Amino acid sequence: MAQKVTTAMITGASTGIGAVYADRLAKRGHDLVLVARNAERLDQLAARLRAETGVSVDVMVADLTNSTDLARVEHRLQEDAAIDLLINNAGSTLSGAFAEQDVDQVDWLIRLNVTAVTRLAHAAARRFVAQNAGSIVNITSVLALVPEFGLGIYGATKSYVLSFSQGLQNQYAGTGIYVQAVLPSATRTEIWDHAGKNIDEVPGVMEVADLVDAALVGFDRKEMITIPSLPAADVWENLEATRQAMGPQFMNGQPAERYRI
């Protein structure tokens, strides 16, 4: 059974993954707060969803790399008791290798992909803890697991989001707070334009609707980690088991034998 949600806030909602989440959640009967920079696209999406589904759709035009705008969205999360689902989706990438990228643009990307995600999750979590109820969905990427694929620091920012999500999952296990990390693979969105890559030259591209529908299946099942493109769940489970097996070995007051000369 799908989790009942009163109102969902979706960031990066004007296009791509965020817009499809808005469509799917509206059709499930959830009221929406849509956050993005593009006012025209947000208004068009909101008008369509109101007409098609009858749900309430509120629009917040905000640049999450702008501290004033980010604070407005944080305040809404902290004060609006109806919001019990945050889809932390807003994100972007840069073209070129790390040394070729403008350092101010690198800083911008970290503020969007890391700082905004963290601050919005924090704003939601404070109220969710008090209510002992609420869900946070963080959109990360399979590139969090395969740094060999490059794309400058994009993969590193997504690795942070994955680790951050897992930390929250451990911290709030057994409570009414649910945290899901969704790891898309190559998906047909506008992010490829920012990366300076031709989507038609990328193999195995998933359509956005398929990605979001699969992510919502994982949400309904209360999965901690959802990787829609991964055929065999035991591949991830084995990786996690190996990682967790290292934990006790870290608690060692002496260097491992292989480092003693």
Protein backbone atom coordinates (compact mmCIF):
# COMPACT_ATOMS: atom_id res chain seq x y z
CA MET A 1 0.00 0.00 0.00
CA ALA A 2 1.33 3.46 -0.89
CA GLN A 3 2.30 5.65 2.03
CA LYS A 4 -0.32 8.34 2.63
CA VAL A 5 1.18 11.77 2.32
CA THR A 6 -0.57 15.07 2.98
CA THR A 7 1.70 17.48 1.08
CA ALA A 8 4.95 16.89 -0.78
CA MET A 9 7.60 19.52 -1.42
CA ILE A 10 9.58 18.83 -4.60
CA THR A 11 12.71 20.76 -5.50
CA GLY A 12 13.91 21.07 -9.06
CA ALA A 13 10.25 20.58 -9.98
CA SER A 14 10.01 22.54 -13.21
CA THR A 15 11.39 19.81 -15.45
CA GLY A 16 12.81 16.31 -15.63
CA ILE A 17 12.68 14.05 -12.59
CA GLY A 18 11.08 16.68 -10.35
CA ALA A 19 8.27 17.40 -12.80
CA VAL A 20 7.44 13.70 -13.16
CA TYR A 21 7.44 13.27 -9.38
CA ALA A 22 4.97 16.17 -9.26
CA ASP A 23 2.75 14.50 -11.83
CA ARG A 24 2.81 11.09 -10.11
CA LEU A 25 2.25 12.42 -6.60
CA ALA A 26 -0.57 14.69 -7.72
CA LYS A 27 -2.26 11.68 -9.32
CA ARG A 28 -1.91 9.90 -5.96
CA GLY A 29 -3.88 12.76 -4.44
CA HIS A 30 -1.05 14.60 -2.71
CA ASP A 31 -1.03 18.38 -2.49
CA LEU A 32 2.23 19.87 -3.72
CA VAL A 33 4.74 22.62 -3.07
CA LEU A 34 6.86 22.97 -6.20
CA VAL A 35 10.27 24.65 -5.97
CA ALA A 36 12.47 25.71 -8.89
CA ARG A 37 14.01 28.75 -10.56
CA ASN A 38 11.92 28.80 -13.73
CA ALA A 39 8.66 30.56 -12.85
CA GLU A 40 7.03 30.06 -16.25
CA ARG A 41 7.58 26.31 -16.27
CA LEU A 42 6.45 25.98 -12.64
CA ASP A 43 3.24 27.91 -13.32
CA GLN A 44 2.45 25.82 -16.40
CA LEU A 45 3.02 22.56 -14.53
CA ALA A 46 1.01 23.74 -11.53
CA ALA A 47 -1.91 24.82 -13.72
CA ARG A 48 -1.97 21.47 -15.52
CA LEU A 49 -1.84 19.43 -12.32
CA ARG A 50 -4.59 21.49 -10.68
CA ALA A 51 -6.81 21.01 -13.73
CA GLU A 52 -6.12 17.30 -14.15
CA THR A 53 -6.12 16.17 -10.52
CA GLY A 54 -7.81 18.84 -8.41
CA VAL A 55 -5.01 18.89 -5.86
CA SER A 56 -3.63 22.07 -4.33
CA VAL A 57 -0.35 23.13 -5.95
CA ASP A 58 1.72 25.94 -4.48
CA VAL A 59 4.67 27.39 -6.38
CA MET A 60 7.88 28.72 -4.84
CA VAL A 61 10.27 30.35 -7.30
CA ALA A 62 13.68 29.98 -5.69
CA ASP A 63 17.35 29.60 -6.56
CA LEU A 64 18.64 27.17 -3.95
CA THR A 65 22.20 28.47 -4.35
CA ASN A 66 20.99 31.88 -3.18
CA SER A 67 21.07 32.04 0.61
CA THR A 68 17.96 34.23 0.85
CA ASP A 69 15.91 31.98 -1.42
CA LEU A 70 17.16 28.87 0.35
CA ALA A 71 16.19 30.34 3.71
CA ARG A 72 12.64 30.95 2.43
CA VAL A 73 12.28 27.32 1.41
CA GLU A 74 13.78 26.13 4.71
CA HIS A 75 11.31 28.29 6.60
CA ARG A 76 8.40 26.80 4.67
CA LEU A 77 9.59 23.29 5.54
CA GLN A 78 9.98 24.20 9.19
CA GLU A 79 6.64 25.94 9.58
CA ASP A 80 4.23 24.14 7.25
CA ALA A 81 2.95 21.16 9.24
CA ALA A 82 1.13 19.79 6.18
CA ILE A 83 4.40 18.94 4.42
CA ASP A 84 5.44 15.44 5.39
CA LEU A 85 7.37 14.43 2.26
CA LEU A 86 10.45 16.17 0.86
CA ILE A 87 11.69 15.16 -2.59
CA ASN A 88 15.22 16.56 -2.49
CA ASN A 89 15.74 16.51 -6.25
CA ALA A 90 17.31 19.82 -7.36
CA GLY A 91 20.80 19.34 -8.73
CA SER A 92 23.05 19.96 -11.69
CA THR A 93 26.47 19.23 -13.13
CA LEU A 94 29.28 20.99 -14.99
CA SER A 95 31.04 20.24 -18.23
CA GLY A 96 34.73 19.44 -18.49
CA ALA A 97 37.35 17.88 -16.24
CA PHE A 98 37.92 19.24 -12.72
CA ALA A 99 41.00 21.36 -13.49
CA GLU A 100 39.21 22.90 -16.48
CA GLN A 101 36.17 23.98 -14.50
CA ASP A 102 35.79 27.48 -13.11
CA VAL A 103 36.26 27.29 -9.35
CA ASP A 104 33.31 29.61 -8.71
CA GLN A 105 31.13 27.26 -10.74
CA VAL A 106 32.48 24.34 -8.71
CA ASP A 107 31.48 26.20 -5.56
CA TRP A 108 28.03 26.83 -7.07
CA LEU A 109 27.60 23.13 -7.79
CA ILE A 110 28.52 22.17 -4.22
CA ARG A 111 26.03 24.70 -2.86
CA LEU A 112 23.27 23.20 -5.02
CA ASN A 113 24.07 19.48 -4.85
CA VAL A 114 25.35 19.33 -1.28
CA THR A 115 24.58 22.39 0.84
CA ALA A 116 20.97 22.90 -0.29
CA VAL A 117 20.19 19.18 -0.02
CA THR A 118 21.61 19.12 3.51
CA ARG A 119 19.91 22.26 4.74
CA LEU A 120 16.51 21.31 3.36
CA ALA A 121 16.74 17.82 4.83
CA HIS A 122 17.71 19.40 8.16
CA ALA A 123 14.74 21.79 8.05
CA ALA A 124 12.38 18.90 7.32
CA ALA A 125 13.96 16.53 9.83
CA ARG A 126 13.62 18.94 12.76
CA ARG A 127 9.86 18.99 12.36
CA PHE A 128 9.59 15.32 11.38
CA VAL A 129 11.41 14.33 14.58
CA ALA A 130 8.96 16.37 16.65
CA GLN A 131 6.05 14.72 14.82
CA ASN A 132 7.70 11.28 14.66
CA ALA A 133 6.53 11.11 11.05
CA GLY A 134 7.74 12.19 7.64
CA SER A 135 9.70 11.06 4.60
CA ILE A 136 12.78 12.43 2.86
CA VAL A 137 13.71 11.24 -0.63
CA ASN A 138 17.21 12.24 -1.71
CA ILE A 139 17.98 11.93 -5.42
CA THR A 140 21.60 10.92 -5.79
CA SER A 141 23.17 8.97 -8.70
CA VAL A 142 24.86 5.69 -9.59
CA LEU A 143 27.93 7.87 -10.18
CA ALA A 144 28.22 7.95 -6.38
CA LEU A 145 29.42 4.35 -6.78
CA VAL A 146 31.53 4.64 -9.94
CA PRO A 147 33.95 7.59 -9.67
CA GLU A 148 35.78 6.17 -12.69
CA PHE A 149 33.06 7.70 -14.87
CA GLY A 150 34.37 11.18 -14.12
CA LEU A 151 32.22 14.28 -14.73
CA GLY A 152 34.43 16.39 -12.48
CA ILE A 153 33.08 16.65 -8.94
CA TYR A 154 29.49 15.72 -9.82
CA GLY A 155 29.99 12.12 -8.71
CA ALA A 156 31.61 13.29 -5.49
CA THR A 157 28.61 15.47 -4.64
CA LYS A 158 26.30 12.53 -5.28
CA SER A 159 28.50 10.28 -3.17
CA TYR A 160 27.97 12.73 -0.33
CA VAL A 161 24.19 12.58 -0.82
CA LEU A 162 24.28 8.77 -0.68
CA SER A 163 26.42 8.70 2.47
CA PHE A 164 24.30 11.45 4.03
CA SER A 165 21.12 9.47 3.32
CA GLN A 166 22.56 6.30 4.82
CA GLY A 167 23.60 8.21 7.91
CA LEU A 168 20.07 9.54 8.35
CA GLN A 169 18.64 6.07 7.80
CA ASN A 170 20.78 4.67 10.60
CA GLN A 171 20.05 7.58 12.91
CA TYR A 172 16.27 7.39 12.49
CA ALA A 173 15.85 3.63 12.16
CA GLY A 174 12.89 2.42 14.18
CA THR A 175 11.20 5.83 14.22
CA GLY A 176 8.42 7.26 12.10
CA ILE A 177 10.93 8.92 9.78
CA TYR A 178 11.71 7.25 6.46
CA VAL A 179 14.67 8.22 4.27
CA GLN A 180 15.08 6.87 0.75
CA ALA A 181 18.09 7.40 -1.51
CA VAL A 182 17.33 7.03 -5.22
CA LEU A 183 20.26 6.36 -7.55
CA PRO A 184 19.35 7.05 -11.17
CA SER A 185 21.63 5.89 -13.94
CA ALA A 186 21.75 7.81 -17.23
CA THR A 187 18.31 9.40 -17.51
CA ARG A 188 16.89 11.55 -20.31
CA THR A 189 16.92 14.97 -18.62
CA GLU A 190 18.35 18.40 -19.36
CA ILE A 191 21.36 17.72 -17.13
CA TRP A 192 23.18 16.37 -20.17
CA ASP A 193 23.13 19.84 -21.70
CA HIS A 194 24.91 21.16 -18.59
CA ALA A 195 27.44 18.33 -18.87
CA GLY A 196 28.15 19.26 -22.48
CA LYS A 197 27.30 15.74 -23.67
CA ASN A 198 25.03 14.49 -26.44
CA ILE A 199 22.39 12.27 -24.82
CA ASP A 200 21.99 10.36 -28.10
CA GLU A 201 25.58 9.13 -27.73
CA VAL A 202 25.04 7.77 -24.21
CA PRO A 203 24.19 4.05 -23.97
CA GLY A 204 21.39 2.68 -21.82
CA VAL A 205 19.48 5.92 -21.21
CA MET A 206 16.34 5.52 -19.07
CA GLU A 207 13.23 7.60 -19.66
CA VAL A 208 12.32 9.90 -16.78
CA ALA A 209 8.85 8.42 -16.31
CA ASP A 210 10.30 4.92 -15.96
CA LEU A 211 12.85 6.16 -13.43
CA VAL A 212 10.29 7.91 -11.23
CA ASP A 213 7.76 5.09 -11.41
CA ALA A 214 10.43 2.62 -10.29
CA ALA A 215 11.57 4.97 -7.52
CA LEU A 216 8.01 5.18 -6.23
CA VAL A 217 7.77 1.38 -6.16
CA GLY A 218 10.86 1.47 -3.94
CA PHE A 219 9.25 4.23 -1.85
CA ASP A 220 6.10 2.17 -1.31
CA ARG A 221 8.25 -0.80 -0.29
CA LYS A 222 10.20 1.39 2.16
CA GLU A 223 13.51 0.61 0.46
CA MET A 224 16.50 2.42 1.88
CA ILE A 225 18.38 2.39 -1.43
CA THR A 226 16.60 2.29 -4.79
CA ILE A 227 18.66 1.70 -7.95
CA PRO A 228 16.09 1.37 -10.75
CA SER A 229 18.56 0.26 -13.43
CA LEU A 230 20.21 -2.51 -11.34
CA PRO A 231 18.75 -5.91 -12.36
CA ALA A 232 20.12 -7.97 -9.45
CA ALA A 233 19.46 -6.60 -5.96
CA ASP A 234 22.06 -8.96 -4.48
CA VAL A 235 24.85 -7.01 -6.21
CA TRP A 236 24.09 -4.01 -3.99
CA GLU A 237 23.44 -6.24 -0.98
CA ASN A 238 26.83 -7.94 -1.39
CA LEU A 239 28.57 -4.58 -1.70
CA GLU A 240 26.89 -3.39 1.49
CA ALA A 241 27.77 -6.61 3.32
CA THR A 242 31.44 -6.21 2.32
CA ARG A 243 31.46 -2.58 3.43
CA GLN A 244 29.86 -3.39 6.77
CA ALA A 245 32.31 -6.25 7.34
CA MET A 246 35.16 -3.72 7.28
CA GLY A 247 33.69 -1.74 10.18
CA PRO A 248 34.95 -3.89 13.07
CA GLN A 249 38.37 -4.12 11.44
CA PHE A 250 38.77 -0.35 11.57
CA MET A 251 38.74 -0.49 15.39
CA ASN A 252 42.41 -1.34 15.62
CA GLY A 253 44.90 0.55 17.75
CA GLN A 254 47.85 -0.59 15.64
CA PRO A 255 48.65 -0.31 11.94
CA ALA A 256 47.73 -3.44 10.02
CA GLU A 257 50.54 -5.96 9.59
CA ARG A 258 50.88 -5.05 5.93
CA TYR A 259 51.98 -1.53 6.91
CA ARG A 260 54.62 -2.60 9.41
CA ILE A 261 58.13 -2.48 7.99
